[in-house]
Amino acid sequence: MNIEFKNGYKVVTDSLQFIVQKRKVVQAGVKTKSENIGNVVFENIAYCSTLDFALKTIGQKLVLDIDGLQDIKIALNSLEKEITAMTKLLQVEVKFNDEN
């Protein structure tokens, strides 16, 4: 599974867990190769046993990453809308698979 959100976070899975990742742009540094500078990578920030916990983790990280209360409210509302839309799609997909 690979669920990417507009806010720079995504949830991927392996055989055991849900992994929350955050989009990051590679910056110049002492050990950074010049061809990697500016590339977009995803950094693992949490390992979760359930999808619900992974989604809650993203919400918590959003709150910690943002300074203003109004910005936090906007970001959380946007995330909630994305999660609701994905949940509806998953329910439709499950019903479709059950019928076939």
C-alpha atoms as a PDB file:
ATOM      1  CA  MET A   1       0.000   0.000   0.000  1.00  0.00           C
ATOM      2  CA  ASN A   2       1.169   3.501  -0.777  1.00  0.00           C
ATOM      3  CA  ILE A   3      -1.062   6.418   0.286  1.00  0.00           C
ATOM      4  CA  GLU A   4       0.345   9.864  -0.464  1.00  0.00           C
ATOM      5  CA  PHE A   5      -1.166  13.029   1.032  1.00  0.00           C
ATOM      6  CA  LYS A   6      -0.943  16.560  -0.366  1.00  0.00           C
ATOM      7  CA  ASN A   7       0.738  17.811   2.806  1.00  0.00           C
ATOM      8  CA  GLY A   8       4.008  15.977   2.098  1.00  0.00           C
ATOM      9  CA  TYR A   9       3.324  12.849   4.127  1.00  0.00           C
ATOM     10  CA  LYS A  10       2.644   9.339   2.944  1.00  0.00           C
ATOM     11  CA  VAL A  11       1.958   5.919   4.411  1.00  0.00           C
ATOM     12  CA  VAL A  12       3.615   2.835   2.940  1.00  0.00           C
ATOM     13  CA  THR A  13       3.501  -0.729   4.149  1.00  0.00           C
ATOM     14  CA  ASP A  14       5.765  -3.681   4.358  1.00  0.00           C
ATOM     15  CA  SER A  15       4.733  -7.159   5.483  1.00  0.00           C
ATOM     16  CA  LEU A  16       4.584  -6.153   9.161  1.00  0.00           C
ATOM     17  CA  GLN A  17       3.744  -2.472   9.603  1.00  0.00           C
ATOM     18  CA  PHE A  18       2.590   0.880   8.303  1.00  0.00           C
ATOM     19  CA  ILE A  19       5.431   3.347   7.790  1.00  0.00           C
ATOM     20  CA  VAL A  20       4.774   7.103   7.922  1.00  0.00           C
ATOM     21  CA  GLN A  21       7.132   9.043   5.681  1.00  0.00           C
ATOM     22  CA  LYS A  22       7.687  12.762   5.140  1.00  0.00           C
ATOM     23  CA  ARG A  23       8.731  14.372   1.861  1.00  0.00           C
ATOM     24  CA  LYS A  24      12.064  16.132   2.062  1.00  0.00           C
ATOM     25  CA  VAL A  25      14.280  17.973  -0.439  1.00  0.00           C
ATOM     26  CA  VAL A  26      17.960  17.011  -0.248  1.00  0.00           C
ATOM     27  CA  GLN A  27      20.044  19.995   0.869  1.00  0.00           C
ATOM     28  CA  ALA A  28      23.742  20.609   0.313  1.00  0.00           C
ATOM     29  CA  GLY A  29      25.894  19.218   3.075  1.00  0.00           C
ATOM     30  CA  VAL A  30      29.376  17.887   3.764  1.00  0.00           C
ATOM     31  CA  LYS A  31      28.537  14.286   2.771  1.00  0.00           C
ATOM     32  CA  THR A  32      25.877  15.076   0.136  1.00  0.00           C
ATOM     33  CA  LYS A  33      26.693  14.162  -3.452  1.00  0.00           C
ATOM     34  CA  SER A  34      26.154  17.123  -5.786  1.00  0.00           C
ATOM     35  CA  GLU A  35      23.844  15.108  -8.087  1.00  0.00           C
ATOM     36  CA  ASN A  36      21.449  14.471  -5.156  1.00  0.00           C
ATOM     37  CA  ILE A  37      20.993  18.133  -4.149  1.00  0.00           C
ATOM     38  CA  GLY A  38      17.417  19.211  -4.840  1.00  0.00           C
ATOM     39  CA  ASN A  39      16.060  15.674  -5.223  1.00  0.00           C
ATOM     40  CA  VAL A  40      12.851  14.816  -3.395  1.00  0.00           C
ATOM     41  CA  VAL A  41      13.117  11.871  -1.002  1.00  0.00           C
ATOM     42  CA  PHE A  42      10.846  10.413   1.667  1.00  0.00           C
ATOM     43  CA  GLU A  43      12.220  10.005   5.178  1.00  0.00           C
ATOM     44  CA  ASN A  44      10.751   7.394   7.552  1.00  0.00           C
ATOM     45  CA  ILE A  45       9.403   9.144  10.653  1.00  0.00           C
ATOM     46  CA  ALA A  46       7.178   6.528  12.332  1.00  0.00           C
ATOM     47  CA  TYR A  47       6.532   2.802  12.314  1.00  0.00           C
ATOM     48  CA  CYS A  48       2.919   1.951  13.217  1.00  0.00           C
ATOM     49  CA  SER A  49       1.081  -1.318  13.776  1.00  0.00           C
ATOM     50  CA  THR A  50      -2.268  -0.052  12.372  1.00  0.00           C
ATOM     51  CA  LEU A  51      -3.381   2.301   9.627  1.00  0.00           C
ATOM     52  CA  ASP A  52      -5.482   4.229  12.150  1.00  0.00           C
ATOM     53  CA  PHE A  53      -2.406   4.914  14.298  1.00  0.00           C
ATOM     54  CA  ALA A  54      -0.392   5.937  11.206  1.00  0.00           C
ATOM     55  CA  LEU A  55      -3.075   8.469  10.230  1.00  0.00           C
ATOM     56  CA  LYS A  56      -3.219   9.852  13.775  1.00  0.00           C
ATOM     57  CA  THR A  57       0.570  10.172  13.706  1.00  0.00           C
ATOM     58  CA  ILE A  58       0.377  12.310  10.568  1.00  0.00           C
ATOM     59  CA  GLY A  59      -2.150  14.579  12.300  1.00  0.00           C
ATOM     60  CA  GLN A  60       0.129  14.941  15.313  1.00  0.00           C
ATOM     61  CA  LYS A  61       3.145  15.701  13.125  1.00  0.00           C
ATOM     62  CA  LEU A  62       1.158  18.376  11.271  1.00  0.00           C
ATOM     63  CA  VAL A  63       0.350  20.082  14.557  1.00  0.00           C
ATOM     64  CA  LEU A  64       3.996  20.020  15.624  1.00  0.00           C
ATOM     65  CA  ASP A  65       5.280  21.264  12.243  1.00  0.00           C
ATOM     66  CA  ILE A  66       2.986  24.311  12.023  1.00  0.00           C
ATOM     67  CA  ASP A  67       3.292  27.446  14.156  1.00  0.00           C
ATOM     68  CA  GLY A  68      -0.055  29.278  13.877  1.00  0.00           C
ATOM     69  CA  LEU A  69      -3.357  27.924  15.219  1.00  0.00           C
ATOM     70  CA  GLN A  70      -5.262  28.931  12.083  1.00  0.00           C
ATOM     71  CA  ASP A  71      -2.732  27.115   9.889  1.00  0.00           C
ATOM     72  CA  ILE A  72      -3.050  24.003  12.082  1.00  0.00           C
ATOM     73  CA  LYS A  73      -6.833  24.059  11.703  1.00  0.00           C
ATOM     74  CA  ILE A  74      -6.590  24.402   7.919  1.00  0.00           C
ATOM     75  CA  ALA A  75      -4.029  21.586   7.637  1.00  0.00           C
ATOM     76  CA  LEU A  76      -6.038  19.218   9.850  1.00  0.00           C
ATOM     77  CA  ASN A  77      -9.272  19.941   7.981  1.00  0.00           C
ATOM     78  CA  SER A  78      -7.537  19.260   4.681  1.00  0.00           C
ATOM     79  CA  LEU A  79      -6.095  15.992   6.009  1.00  0.00           C
ATOM     80  CA  GLU A  80      -9.500  14.938   7.346  1.00  0.00           C
ATOM     81  CA  LYS A  81     -11.087  15.528   3.926  1.00  0.00           C
ATOM     82  CA  GLU A  82      -8.408  13.436   2.214  1.00  0.00           C
ATOM     83  CA  ILE A  83      -8.816  10.588   4.717  1.00  0.00           C
ATOM     84  CA  THR A  84     -12.615  10.660   4.325  1.00  0.00           C
ATOM     85  CA  ALA A  85     -12.327  10.528   0.535  1.00  0.00           C
ATOM     86  CA  MET A  86      -9.869   7.629   0.685  1.00  0.00           C
ATOM     87  CA  THR A  87     -12.076   5.756   3.154  1.00  0.00           C
ATOM     88  CA  LYS A  88     -15.040   6.067   0.780  1.00  0.00           C
ATOM     89  CA  LEU A  89     -12.918   4.781  -2.113  1.00  0.00           C
ATOM     90  CA  LEU A  90     -11.747   1.818  -0.044  1.00  0.00           C
ATOM     91  CA  GLN A  91     -15.339   0.961   0.912  1.00  0.00           C
ATOM     92  CA  VAL A  92     -16.418   1.055  -2.740  1.00  0.00           C
ATOM     93  CA  GLU A  93     -13.467  -1.125  -3.722  1.00  0.00           C
ATOM     94  CA  VAL A  94     -14.256  -3.668  -0.985  1.00  0.00           C
ATOM     95  CA  LYS A  95     -17.920  -3.833  -2.049  1.00  0.00           C
ATOM     96  CA  PHE A  96     -16.892  -4.249  -5.700  1.00  0.00           C
ATOM     97  CA  ASN A  97     -14.493  -7.091  -4.820  1.00  0.00           C
ATOM     98  CA  ASP A  98     -17.129  -8.808  -2.646  1.00  0.00           C
ATOM     99  CA  GLU A  99     -19.644  -8.742  -5.520  1.00  0.00           C
ATOM    100  CA  ASN A 100     -17.205 -10.341  -7.981  1.00  0.00           C
END
